[in-house]
């Protein structure tokens, strides 16, 4: 009996991810290193926000991790925590 490979649904292979990123975001650097897609660049969510330098690391079949390199993220002036931030 032949064993079938387990298919991961709705997952785009990292080479296709890299191609799509380079097509839609040519200003970002995208490389594949040790079976991980690493995307680096700068982004400004809106004119009212700072410019953020980031790294995005995507491993096939997993959720991507995004790291803000600069500026250093800090809690808000009113003491509230930054929303949508997860520790490693």
C-alpha atoms as a PDB file:
ATOM      1  CA  UNK A   1       0.000   0.000   0.000  1.00  0.00           C
ATOM      2  CA  UNK A   2       1.380   3.402  -0.986  1.00  0.00           C
ATOM      3  CA  UNK A   3       1.440   6.044   1.677  1.00  0.00           C
ATOM      4  CA  UNK A   4       0.022   9.401   0.518  1.00  0.00           C
ATOM      5  CA  UNK A   5       1.758  12.648   1.411  1.00  0.00           C
ATOM      6  CA  UNK A   6      -0.218  14.826   3.746  1.00  0.00           C
ATOM      7  CA  UNK A   7      -1.350  17.922   1.848  1.00  0.00           C
ATOM      8  CA  UNK A   8      -1.431  21.227   3.673  1.00  0.00           C
ATOM      9  CA  UNK A   9      -4.501  23.096   2.367  1.00  0.00           C
ATOM     10  CA  UNK A  10      -4.448  26.804   1.534  1.00  0.00           C
ATOM     11  CA  UNK A  11      -0.688  27.137   1.949  1.00  0.00           C
ATOM     12  CA  UNK A  12       1.327  28.896  -0.732  1.00  0.00           C
ATOM     13  CA  UNK A  13       4.840  27.565  -1.281  1.00  0.00           C
ATOM     14  CA  UNK A  14       7.621  29.964  -0.226  1.00  0.00           C
ATOM     15  CA  UNK A  15       8.964  30.348  -3.778  1.00  0.00           C
ATOM     16  CA  UNK A  16       5.528  31.524  -4.919  1.00  0.00           C
ATOM     17  CA  UNK A  17       5.283  33.812  -1.889  1.00  0.00           C
ATOM     18  CA  UNK A  18       8.659  35.354  -2.736  1.00  0.00           C
ATOM     19  CA  UNK A  19       7.688  35.863  -6.379  1.00  0.00           C
ATOM     20  CA  UNK A  20       4.435  37.549  -5.352  1.00  0.00           C
ATOM     21  CA  UNK A  21       6.183  39.844  -2.866  1.00  0.00           C
ATOM     22  CA  UNK A  22       8.813  40.868  -5.418  1.00  0.00           C
ATOM     23  CA  UNK A  23       6.058  41.567  -7.961  1.00  0.00           C
ATOM     24  CA  UNK A  24       3.778  43.592  -5.677  1.00  0.00           C
ATOM     25  CA  UNK A  25       6.394  45.142  -3.365  1.00  0.00           C
ATOM     26  CA  UNK A  26       9.590  45.598  -5.395  1.00  0.00           C
ATOM     27  CA  UNK A  27      10.971  47.974  -2.757  1.00  0.00           C
ATOM     28  CA  UNK A  28      11.296  45.066  -0.272  1.00  0.00           C
ATOM     29  CA  UNK A  29      14.200  42.647  -0.224  1.00  0.00           C
ATOM     30  CA  UNK A  30      13.076  38.999  -0.274  1.00  0.00           C
ATOM     31  CA  UNK A  31      15.406  36.005   0.074  1.00  0.00           C
ATOM     32  CA  UNK A  32      15.063  32.338   0.930  1.00  0.00           C
ATOM     33  CA  UNK A  33      17.479  31.138   3.588  1.00  0.00           C
ATOM     34  CA  UNK A  34      17.383  27.727   5.271  1.00  0.00           C
ATOM     35  CA  UNK A  35      13.849  26.983   3.967  1.00  0.00           C
ATOM     36  CA  UNK A  36      12.525  30.294   5.271  1.00  0.00           C
ATOM     37  CA  UNK A  37      11.390  33.325   3.325  1.00  0.00           C
ATOM     38  CA  UNK A  38      12.856  36.498   4.821  1.00  0.00           C
ATOM     39  CA  UNK A  39      11.438  39.827   3.703  1.00  0.00           C
ATOM     40  CA  UNK A  40      13.021  43.102   4.796  1.00  0.00           C
ATOM     41  CA  UNK A  41      11.966  46.633   4.173  1.00  0.00           C
ATOM     42  CA  UNK A  42      10.468  49.837   5.447  1.00  0.00           C
ATOM     43  CA  UNK A  43       6.785  50.648   5.667  1.00  0.00           C
ATOM     44  CA  UNK A  44       4.712  53.594   6.831  1.00  0.00           C
ATOM     45  CA  UNK A  45       1.114  52.624   7.679  1.00  0.00           C
ATOM     46  CA  UNK A  46      -0.131  56.183   7.102  1.00  0.00           C
ATOM     47  CA  UNK A  47       1.305  59.703   6.831  1.00  0.00           C
ATOM     48  CA  UNK A  48       0.583  60.117  10.562  1.00  0.00           C
ATOM     49  CA  UNK A  49       2.733  57.115  11.516  1.00  0.00           C
ATOM     50  CA  UNK A  50       6.471  56.632  11.759  1.00  0.00           C
ATOM     51  CA  UNK A  51       8.479  54.795   9.142  1.00  0.00           C
ATOM     52  CA  UNK A  52       9.079  51.238  10.392  1.00  0.00           C
ATOM     53  CA  UNK A  53      11.986  48.994   9.415  1.00  0.00           C
ATOM     54  CA  UNK A  54      10.875  45.340   9.588  1.00  0.00           C
ATOM     55  CA  UNK A  55      11.763  41.715   8.929  1.00  0.00           C
ATOM     56  CA  UNK A  56       9.100  39.178   8.036  1.00  0.00           C
ATOM     57  CA  UNK A  57      10.028  35.503   8.411  1.00  0.00           C
ATOM     58  CA  UNK A  58       7.818  32.881   6.789  1.00  0.00           C
ATOM     59  CA  UNK A  59       8.346  29.145   7.083  1.00  0.00           C
ATOM     60  CA  UNK A  60       6.273  26.930   4.795  1.00  0.00           C
ATOM     61  CA  UNK A  61       3.093  25.739   6.517  1.00  0.00           C
ATOM     62  CA  UNK A  62       3.375  28.145   9.447  1.00  0.00           C
ATOM     63  CA  UNK A  63       2.160  31.645  10.184  1.00  0.00           C
ATOM     64  CA  UNK A  64       4.644  34.428   9.402  1.00  0.00           C
ATOM     65  CA  UNK A  65       6.468  36.288  12.165  1.00  0.00           C
ATOM     66  CA  UNK A  66       7.016  40.022  11.790  1.00  0.00           C
ATOM     67  CA  UNK A  67       9.731  41.861  13.693  1.00  0.00           C
ATOM     68  CA  UNK A  68       9.898  45.642  13.955  1.00  0.00           C
ATOM     69  CA  UNK A  69      13.586  46.563  13.969  1.00  0.00           C
ATOM     70  CA  UNK A  70      13.298  50.356  14.143  1.00  0.00           C
ATOM     71  CA  UNK A  71      12.013  52.419  15.826  1.00  0.00           C
ATOM     72  CA  UNK A  72      11.920  50.545  19.100  1.00  0.00           C
ATOM     73  CA  UNK A  73       8.283  49.902  19.990  1.00  0.00           C
ATOM     74  CA  UNK A  74       7.172  51.265  23.336  1.00  0.00           C
ATOM     75  CA  UNK A  75       3.951  51.447  25.324  1.00  0.00           C
ATOM     76  CA  UNK A  76       1.646  54.338  24.584  1.00  0.00           C
ATOM     77  CA  UNK A  77       1.957  57.628  26.448  1.00  0.00           C
ATOM     78  CA  UNK A  78      -1.292  56.866  28.311  1.00  0.00           C
ATOM     79  CA  UNK A  79       0.284  53.663  29.692  1.00  0.00           C
ATOM     80  CA  UNK A  80      -1.722  51.279  27.510  1.00  0.00           C
ATOM     81  CA  UNK A  81       0.068  48.356  25.928  1.00  0.00           C
ATOM     82  CA  UNK A  82       0.684  48.317  22.187  1.00  0.00           C
ATOM     83  CA  UNK A  83      -2.145  46.327  20.529  1.00  0.00           C
ATOM     84  CA  UNK A  84      -1.485  43.248  18.401  1.00  0.00           C
ATOM     85  CA  UNK A  85       2.007  42.586  19.788  1.00  0.00           C
ATOM     86  CA  UNK A  86       2.992  39.040  20.725  1.00  0.00           C
ATOM     87  CA  UNK A  87       6.087  37.852  22.538  1.00  0.00           C
ATOM     88  CA  UNK A  88       8.230  35.068  21.121  1.00  0.00           C
END
